[in-house]
């Protein structure tokens, strides 16, 4: 994930007033693991992406734009 995509993911989280810890808990991973993924150091699993979509109220199009384009 490039820096622009990382910023899009972070902005989605911040728009909802959520911390990285909040999102990590909702998708079932530790805060450090989430931080690494949000910063693009590690990839999200398919299951984590599904949970992230719900947690951050993202559309399918947003998920595709952030993670697959």
PDB file of N, CA and C in Angstrom:
ATOM      1  N   UNK A   1       0.861  -1.177   0.000  1.00  0.00           N
ATOM      2  CA  UNK A   1       0.000   0.000   0.000  1.00  0.00           C
ATOM      3  C   UNK A   1       0.905   1.237   0.000  1.00  0.00           C
ATOM      4  N   UNK A   2       0.638   2.193  -0.888  1.00  0.00           N
ATOM      5  CA  UNK A   2       1.471   3.387  -0.934  1.00  0.00           C
ATOM      6  C   UNK A   2       0.994   4.418   0.080  1.00  0.00           C
ATOM      7  N   UNK A   3       1.771   5.492   0.213  1.00  0.00           N
ATOM      8  CA  UNK A   3       1.471   6.503   1.231  1.00  0.00           C
ATOM      9  C   UNK A   3       0.103   7.144   1.057  1.00  0.00           C
ATOM     10  N   UNK A   4      -0.310   7.352  -0.189  1.00  0.00           N
ATOM     11  CA  UNK A   4      -1.630   7.947  -0.432  1.00  0.00           C
ATOM     12  C   UNK A   4      -2.718   7.013   0.088  1.00  0.00           C
ATOM     13  N   UNK A   5      -2.581   5.729  -0.181  1.00  0.00           N
ATOM     14  CA  UNK A   5      -3.569   4.747   0.276  1.00  0.00           C
ATOM     15  C   UNK A   5      -3.557   4.650   1.799  1.00  0.00           C
ATOM     16  N   UNK A   6      -2.369   4.714   2.401  1.00  0.00           N
ATOM     17  CA  UNK A   6      -2.270   4.690   3.863  1.00  0.00           C
ATOM     18  C   UNK A   6      -3.031   5.874   4.453  1.00  0.00           C
ATOM     19  N   UNK A   7      -2.860   7.029   3.828  1.00  0.00           N
ATOM     20  CA  UNK A   7      -3.545   8.230   4.331  1.00  0.00           C
ATOM     21  C   UNK A   7      -5.056   8.109   4.179  1.00  0.00           C
ATOM     22  N   UNK A   8      -5.510   7.473   3.100  1.00  0.00           N
ATOM     23  CA  UNK A   8      -6.955   7.275   2.904  1.00  0.00           C
ATOM     24  C   UNK A   8      -7.529   6.395   4.005  1.00  0.00           C
ATOM     25  N   UNK A   9      -6.812   5.337   4.349  1.00  0.00           N
ATOM     26  CA  UNK A   9      -7.269   4.442   5.409  1.00  0.00           C
ATOM     27  C   UNK A   9      -7.292   5.176   6.745  1.00  0.00           C
ATOM     28  N   UNK A  10      -6.230   5.906   7.041  1.00  0.00           N
ATOM     29  CA  UNK A  10      -6.150   6.662   8.293  1.00  0.00           C
ATOM     30  C   UNK A  10      -7.265   7.706   8.358  1.00  0.00           C
ATOM     31  N   UNK A  11      -7.505   8.404   7.257  1.00  0.00           N
ATOM     32  CA  UNK A  11      -8.550   9.428   7.221  1.00  0.00           C
ATOM     33  C   UNK A  11      -9.924   8.819   7.479  1.00  0.00           C
ATOM     34  N   UNK A  12     -10.162   7.633   6.945  1.00  0.00           N
ATOM     35  CA  UNK A  12     -11.443   6.948   7.176  1.00  0.00           C
ATOM     36  C   UNK A  12     -11.640   6.662   8.658  1.00  0.00           C
ATOM     37  N   UNK A  13     -10.574   6.248   9.312  1.00  0.00           N
ATOM     38  CA  UNK A  13     -10.628   5.951  10.748  1.00  0.00           C
ATOM     39  C   UNK A  13     -10.856   7.225  11.560  1.00  0.00           C
ATOM     40  N   UNK A  14     -10.113   8.263  11.238  1.00  0.00           N
ATOM     41  CA  UNK A  14     -10.199   9.523  11.980  1.00  0.00           C
ATOM     42  C   UNK A  14     -11.567  10.172  11.799  1.00  0.00           C
ATOM     43  N   UNK A  15     -12.137  10.080  10.589  1.00  0.00           N
ATOM     44  CA  UNK A  15     -13.476  10.643  10.337  1.00  0.00           C
ATOM     45  C   UNK A  15     -14.508  10.100  11.319  1.00  0.00           C
ATOM     46  N   UNK A  16     -14.320   8.856  11.735  1.00  0.00           N
ATOM     47  CA  UNK A  16     -15.256   8.233  12.679  1.00  0.00           C
ATOM     48  C   UNK A  16     -14.851   8.456  14.129  1.00  0.00           C
ATOM     49  N   UNK A  17     -13.765   9.197  14.342  1.00  0.00           N
ATOM     50  CA  UNK A  17     -13.308   9.477  15.696  1.00  0.00           C
ATOM     51  C   UNK A  17     -12.737   8.256  16.398  1.00  0.00           C
ATOM     52  N   UNK A  18     -12.196   7.343  15.626  1.00  0.00           N
ATOM     53  CA  UNK A  18     -11.677   6.095  16.190  1.00  0.00           C
ATOM     54  C   UNK A  18     -10.158   6.131  16.287  1.00  0.00           C
ATOM     55  N   UNK A  19      -9.643   5.482  17.316  1.00  0.00           N
ATOM     56  CA  UNK A  19      -8.201   5.325  17.457  1.00  0.00           C
ATOM     57  C   UNK A  19      -7.771   4.035  16.769  1.00  0.00           C
ATOM     58  N   UNK A  20      -6.479   3.897  16.595  1.00  0.00           N
ATOM     59  CA  UNK A  20      -5.961   2.650  16.038  1.00  0.00           C
ATOM     60  C   UNK A  20      -6.307   1.487  16.960  1.00  0.00           C
ATOM     61  N   UNK A  21      -6.263   1.735  18.250  1.00  0.00           N
ATOM     62  CA  UNK A  21      -6.606   0.697  19.225  1.00  0.00           C
ATOM     63  C   UNK A  21      -8.060   0.267  19.067  1.00  0.00           C
ATOM     64  N   UNK A  22      -8.964   1.238  18.842  1.00  0.00           N
ATOM     65  CA  UNK A  22     -10.388   0.931  18.642  1.00  0.00           C
ATOM     66  C   UNK A  22     -10.584  -0.007  17.453  1.00  0.00           C
ATOM     67  N   UNK A  23      -9.954   0.344  16.344  1.00  0.00           N
ATOM     68  CA  UNK A  23     -10.119  -0.449  15.125  1.00  0.00           C
ATOM     69  C   UNK A  23      -9.497  -1.830  15.299  1.00  0.00           C
ATOM     70  N   UNK A  24      -8.325  -1.866  15.904  1.00  0.00           N
ATOM     71  CA  UNK A  24      -7.660  -3.155  16.138  1.00  0.00           C
ATOM     72  C   UNK A  24      -8.576  -4.100  16.906  1.00  0.00           C
ATOM     73  N   UNK A  25      -9.210  -3.580  17.940  1.00  0.00           N
ATOM     74  CA  UNK A  25     -10.106  -4.412  18.751  1.00  0.00           C
ATOM     75  C   UNK A  25     -11.286  -4.911  17.915  1.00  0.00           C
ATOM     76  N   UNK A  26     -11.847  -4.034  17.091  1.00  0.00           N
ATOM     77  CA  UNK A  26     -13.004  -4.406  16.275  1.00  0.00           C
ATOM     78  C   UNK A  26     -12.683  -5.471  15.232  1.00  0.00           C
ATOM     79  N   UNK A  27     -11.448  -5.471  14.741  1.00  0.00           N
ATOM     80  CA  UNK A  27     -11.111  -6.459  13.714  1.00  0.00           C
ATOM     81  C   UNK A  27     -10.353  -7.657  14.288  1.00  0.00           C
ATOM     82  N   UNK A  28     -10.138  -7.634  15.592  1.00  0.00           N
ATOM     83  CA  UNK A  28      -9.591  -8.816  16.255  1.00  0.00           C
ATOM     84  C   UNK A  28      -8.088  -8.996  16.190  1.00  0.00           C
ATOM     85  N   UNK A  29      -7.346  -7.876  16.133  1.00  0.00           N
ATOM     86  CA  UNK A  29      -5.882  -7.968  16.167  1.00  0.00           C
ATOM     87  C   UNK A  29      -5.356  -6.988  17.208  1.00  0.00           C
ATOM     88  N   UNK A  30      -4.084  -7.119  17.546  1.00  0.00           N
ATOM     89  CA  UNK A  30      -3.463  -6.214  18.500  1.00  0.00           C
ATOM     90  C   UNK A  30      -3.231  -4.838  17.891  1.00  0.00           C
ATOM     91  N   UNK A  31      -3.083  -3.851  18.759  1.00  0.00           N
ATOM     92  CA  UNK A  31      -2.880  -2.482  18.290  1.00  0.00           C
ATOM     93  C   UNK A  31      -1.612  -2.360  17.435  1.00  0.00           C
ATOM     94  N   UNK A  32      -0.519  -2.963  17.870  1.00  0.00           N
ATOM     95  CA  UNK A  32       0.727  -2.888  17.106  1.00  0.00           C
ATOM     96  C   UNK A  32       0.561  -3.515  15.726  1.00  0.00           C
ATOM     97  N   UNK A  33      -0.131  -4.630  15.667  1.00  0.00           N
ATOM     98  CA  UNK A  33      -0.388  -5.280  14.371  1.00  0.00           C
ATOM     99  C   UNK A  33      -1.201  -4.365  13.467  1.00  0.00           C
ATOM    100  N   UNK A  34      -2.200  -3.696  14.042  1.00  0.00           N
ATOM    101  CA  UNK A  34      -3.011  -2.781  13.241  1.00  0.00           C
ATOM    102  C   UNK A  34      -2.161  -1.619  12.731  1.00  0.00           C
ATOM    103  N   UNK A  35      -1.351  -1.042  13.612  1.00  0.00           N
ATOM    104  CA  UNK A  35      -0.503   0.091  13.226  1.00  0.00           C
ATOM    105  C   UNK A  35       0.388  -0.303  12.046  1.00  0.00           C
ATOM    106  N   UNK A  36       0.985  -1.474  12.110  1.00  0.00           N
ATOM    107  CA  UNK A  36       1.842  -1.940  11.008  1.00  0.00           C
ATOM    108  C   UNK A  36       1.045  -2.069   9.714  1.00  0.00           C
ATOM    109  N   UNK A  37      -0.168  -2.530   9.812  1.00  0.00           N
ATOM    110  CA  UNK A  37      -0.999  -2.686   8.615  1.00  0.00           C
ATOM    111  C   UNK A  37      -1.457  -1.328   8.084  1.00  0.00           C
ATOM    112  N   UNK A  38      -1.881  -0.440   8.968  1.00  0.00           N
ATOM    113  CA  UNK A  38      -2.314   0.887   8.526  1.00  0.00           C
ATOM    114  C   UNK A  38      -1.154   1.641   7.878  1.00  0.00           C
ATOM    115  N   UNK A  39       0.058   1.398   8.354  1.00  0.00           N
ATOM    116  CA  UNK A  39       1.235   2.064   7.800  1.00  0.00           C
ATOM    117  C   UNK A  39       1.813   1.353   6.579  1.00  0.00           C
ATOM    118  N   UNK A  40       1.176   0.249   6.167  1.00  0.00           N
ATOM    119  CA  UNK A  40       1.590  -0.443   4.960  1.00  0.00           C
ATOM    120  C   UNK A  40       2.756  -1.402   5.117  1.00  0.00           C
ATOM    121  N   UNK A  41       3.160  -1.687   6.346  1.00  0.00           N
ATOM    122  CA  UNK A  41       4.283  -2.607   6.572  1.00  0.00           C
ATOM    123  C   UNK A  41       3.865  -4.069   6.444  1.00  0.00           C
ATOM    124  N   UNK A  42       2.594  -4.352   6.690  1.00  0.00           N
ATOM    125  CA  UNK A  42       2.040  -5.700   6.566  1.00  0.00           C
ATOM    126  C   UNK A  42       0.693  -5.595   5.869  1.00  0.00           C
ATOM    127  N   UNK A  43       0.259  -6.677   5.265  1.00  0.00           N
ATOM    128  CA  UNK A  43      -1.037  -6.711   4.584  1.00  0.00           C
ATOM    129  C   UNK A  43      -2.136  -7.195   5.523  1.00  0.00           C
ATOM    130  N   UNK A  44      -3.347  -6.729   5.264  1.00  0.00           N
ATOM    131  CA  UNK A  44      -4.522  -7.233   5.968  1.00  0.00           C
ATOM    132  C   UNK A  44      -4.935  -8.548   5.323  1.00  0.00           C
ATOM    133  N   UNK A  45      -5.449  -9.472   6.119  1.00  0.00           N
ATOM    134  CA  UNK A  45      -6.017 -10.705   5.568  1.00  0.00           C
ATOM    135  C   UNK A  45      -7.401 -10.386   5.003  1.00  0.00           C
ATOM    136  N   UNK A  46      -7.945 -11.299   4.242  1.00  0.00           N
ATOM    137  CA  UNK A  46      -9.287 -11.110   3.687  1.00  0.00           C
ATOM    138  C   UNK A  46     -10.299 -10.926   4.816  1.00  0.00           C
ATOM    139  N   UNK A  47     -10.208 -11.740   5.858  1.00  0.00           N
ATOM    140  CA  UNK A  47     -11.133 -11.626   6.987  1.00  0.00           C
ATOM    141  C   UNK A  47     -10.981 -10.271   7.680  1.00  0.00           C
ATOM    142  N   UNK A  48      -9.749  -9.807   7.841  1.00  0.00           N
ATOM    143  CA  UNK A  48      -9.525  -8.500   8.459  1.00  0.00           C
ATOM    144  C   UNK A  48     -10.105  -7.390   7.593  1.00  0.00           C
ATOM    145  N   UNK A  49      -9.979  -7.514   6.277  1.00  0.00           N
ATOM    146  CA  UNK A  49     -10.563  -6.513   5.379  1.00  0.00           C
ATOM    147  C   UNK A  49     -12.081  -6.484   5.502  1.00  0.00           C
ATOM    148  N   UNK A  50     -12.698  -7.644   5.620  1.00  0.00           N
ATOM    149  CA  UNK A  50     -14.155  -7.692   5.798  1.00  0.00           C
ATOM    150  C   UNK A  50     -14.560  -6.973   7.081  1.00  0.00           C
ATOM    151  N   UNK A  51     -13.834  -7.243   8.154  1.00  0.00           N
ATOM    152  CA  UNK A  51     -14.140  -6.604   9.435  1.00  0.00           C
ATOM    153  C   UNK A  51     -13.831  -5.112   9.386  1.00  0.00           C
ATOM    154  N   UNK A  52     -12.758  -4.744   8.700  1.00  0.00           N
ATOM    155  CA  UNK A  52     -12.377  -3.343   8.560  1.00  0.00           C
ATOM    156  C   UNK A  52     -13.444  -2.569   7.795  1.00  0.00           C
ATOM    157  N   UNK A  53     -13.982  -3.185   6.766  1.00  0.00           N
ATOM    158  CA  UNK A  53     -15.050  -2.568   5.970  1.00  0.00           C
ATOM    159  C   UNK A  53     -16.230  -2.200   6.858  1.00  0.00           C
ATOM    160  N   UNK A  54     -16.606  -3.105   7.736  1.00  0.00           N
ATOM    161  CA  UNK A  54     -17.726  -2.856   8.649  1.00  0.00           C
ATOM    162  C   UNK A  54     -17.341  -1.812   9.694  1.00  0.00           C
ATOM    163  N   UNK A  55     -16.179  -1.986  10.310  1.00  0.00           N
ATOM    164  CA  UNK A  55     -15.747  -1.095  11.394  1.00  0.00           C
ATOM    165  C   UNK A  55     -15.640   0.355  10.935  1.00  0.00           C
ATOM    166  N   UNK A  56     -15.123   0.560   9.727  1.00  0.00           N
ATOM    167  CA  UNK A  56     -14.916   1.917   9.224  1.00  0.00           C
ATOM    168  C   UNK A  56     -16.026   2.384   8.285  1.00  0.00           C
ATOM    169  N   UNK A  57     -17.063   1.563   8.155  1.00  0.00           N
ATOM    170  CA  UNK A  57     -18.214   1.901   7.313  1.00  0.00           C
ATOM    171  C   UNK A  57     -17.785   2.240   5.883  1.00  0.00           C
ATOM    172  N   UNK A  58     -16.941   1.384   5.326  1.00  0.00           N
ATOM    173  CA  UNK A  58     -16.431   1.582   3.979  1.00  0.00           C
ATOM    174  C   UNK A  58     -17.298   0.841   2.971  1.00  0.00           C
ATOM    175  N   UNK A  59     -17.373   1.388   1.775  1.00  0.00           N
ATOM    176  CA  UNK A  59     -18.078   0.710   0.691  1.00  0.00           C
ATOM    177  C   UNK A  59     -17.125  -0.285   0.024  1.00  0.00           C
ATOM    178  N   UNK A  60     -17.685  -1.169  -0.776  1.00  0.00           N
ATOM    179  CA  UNK A  60     -16.838  -2.087  -1.547  1.00  0.00           C
ATOM    180  C   UNK A  60     -15.883  -1.304  -2.439  1.00  0.00           C
ATOM    181  N   UNK A  61     -16.383  -0.240  -3.043  1.00  0.00           N
ATOM    182  CA  UNK A  61     -15.554   0.587  -3.921  1.00  0.00           C
ATOM    183  C   UNK A  61     -14.383   1.198  -3.154  1.00  0.00           C
ATOM    184  N   UNK A  62     -14.634   1.677  -1.940  1.00  0.00           N
ATOM    185  CA  UNK A  62     -13.552   2.250  -1.140  1.00  0.00           C
ATOM    186  C   UNK A  62     -12.497   1.197  -0.797  1.00  0.00           C
ATOM    187  N   UNK A  63     -12.946   0.003  -0.440  1.00  0.00           N
ATOM    188  CA  UNK A  63     -12.004  -1.080  -0.133  1.00  0.00           C
ATOM    189  C   UNK A  63     -11.137  -1.373  -1.359  1.00  0.00           C
ATOM    190  N   UNK A  64     -11.759  -1.454  -2.519  1.00  0.00           N
ATOM    191  CA  UNK A  64     -11.010  -1.722  -3.749  1.00  0.00           C
ATOM    192  C   UNK A  64     -10.015  -0.604  -4.027  1.00  0.00           C
ATOM    193  N   UNK A  65     -10.453   0.644  -3.904  1.00  0.00           N
ATOM    194  CA  UNK A  65      -9.569   1.780  -4.171  1.00  0.00           C
ATOM    195  C   UNK A  65      -8.385   1.827  -3.214  1.00  0.00           C
ATOM    196  N   UNK A  66      -8.616   1.529  -1.950  1.00  0.00           N
ATOM    197  CA  UNK A  66      -7.542   1.612  -0.958  1.00  0.00           C
ATOM    198  C   UNK A  66      -6.577   0.437  -1.075  1.00  0.00           C
ATOM    199  N   UNK A  67      -7.107  -0.756  -1.262  1.00  0.00           N
ATOM    200  CA  UNK A  67      -6.265  -1.943  -1.147  1.00  0.00           C
ATOM    201  C   UNK A  67      -5.889  -2.626  -2.451  1.00  0.00           C
ATOM    202  N   UNK A  68      -6.622  -2.372  -3.522  1.00  0.00           N
ATOM    203  CA  UNK A  68      -6.390  -3.159  -4.729  1.00  0.00           C
ATOM    204  C   UNK A  68      -6.080  -2.352  -5.984  1.00  0.00           C
ATOM    205  N   UNK A  69      -6.004  -1.055  -5.891  1.00  0.00           N
ATOM    206  CA  UNK A  69      -5.669  -0.260  -7.088  1.00  0.00           C
ATOM    207  C   UNK A  69      -4.350   0.430  -6.912  1.00  0.00           C
TER     208      UNK A  69
END
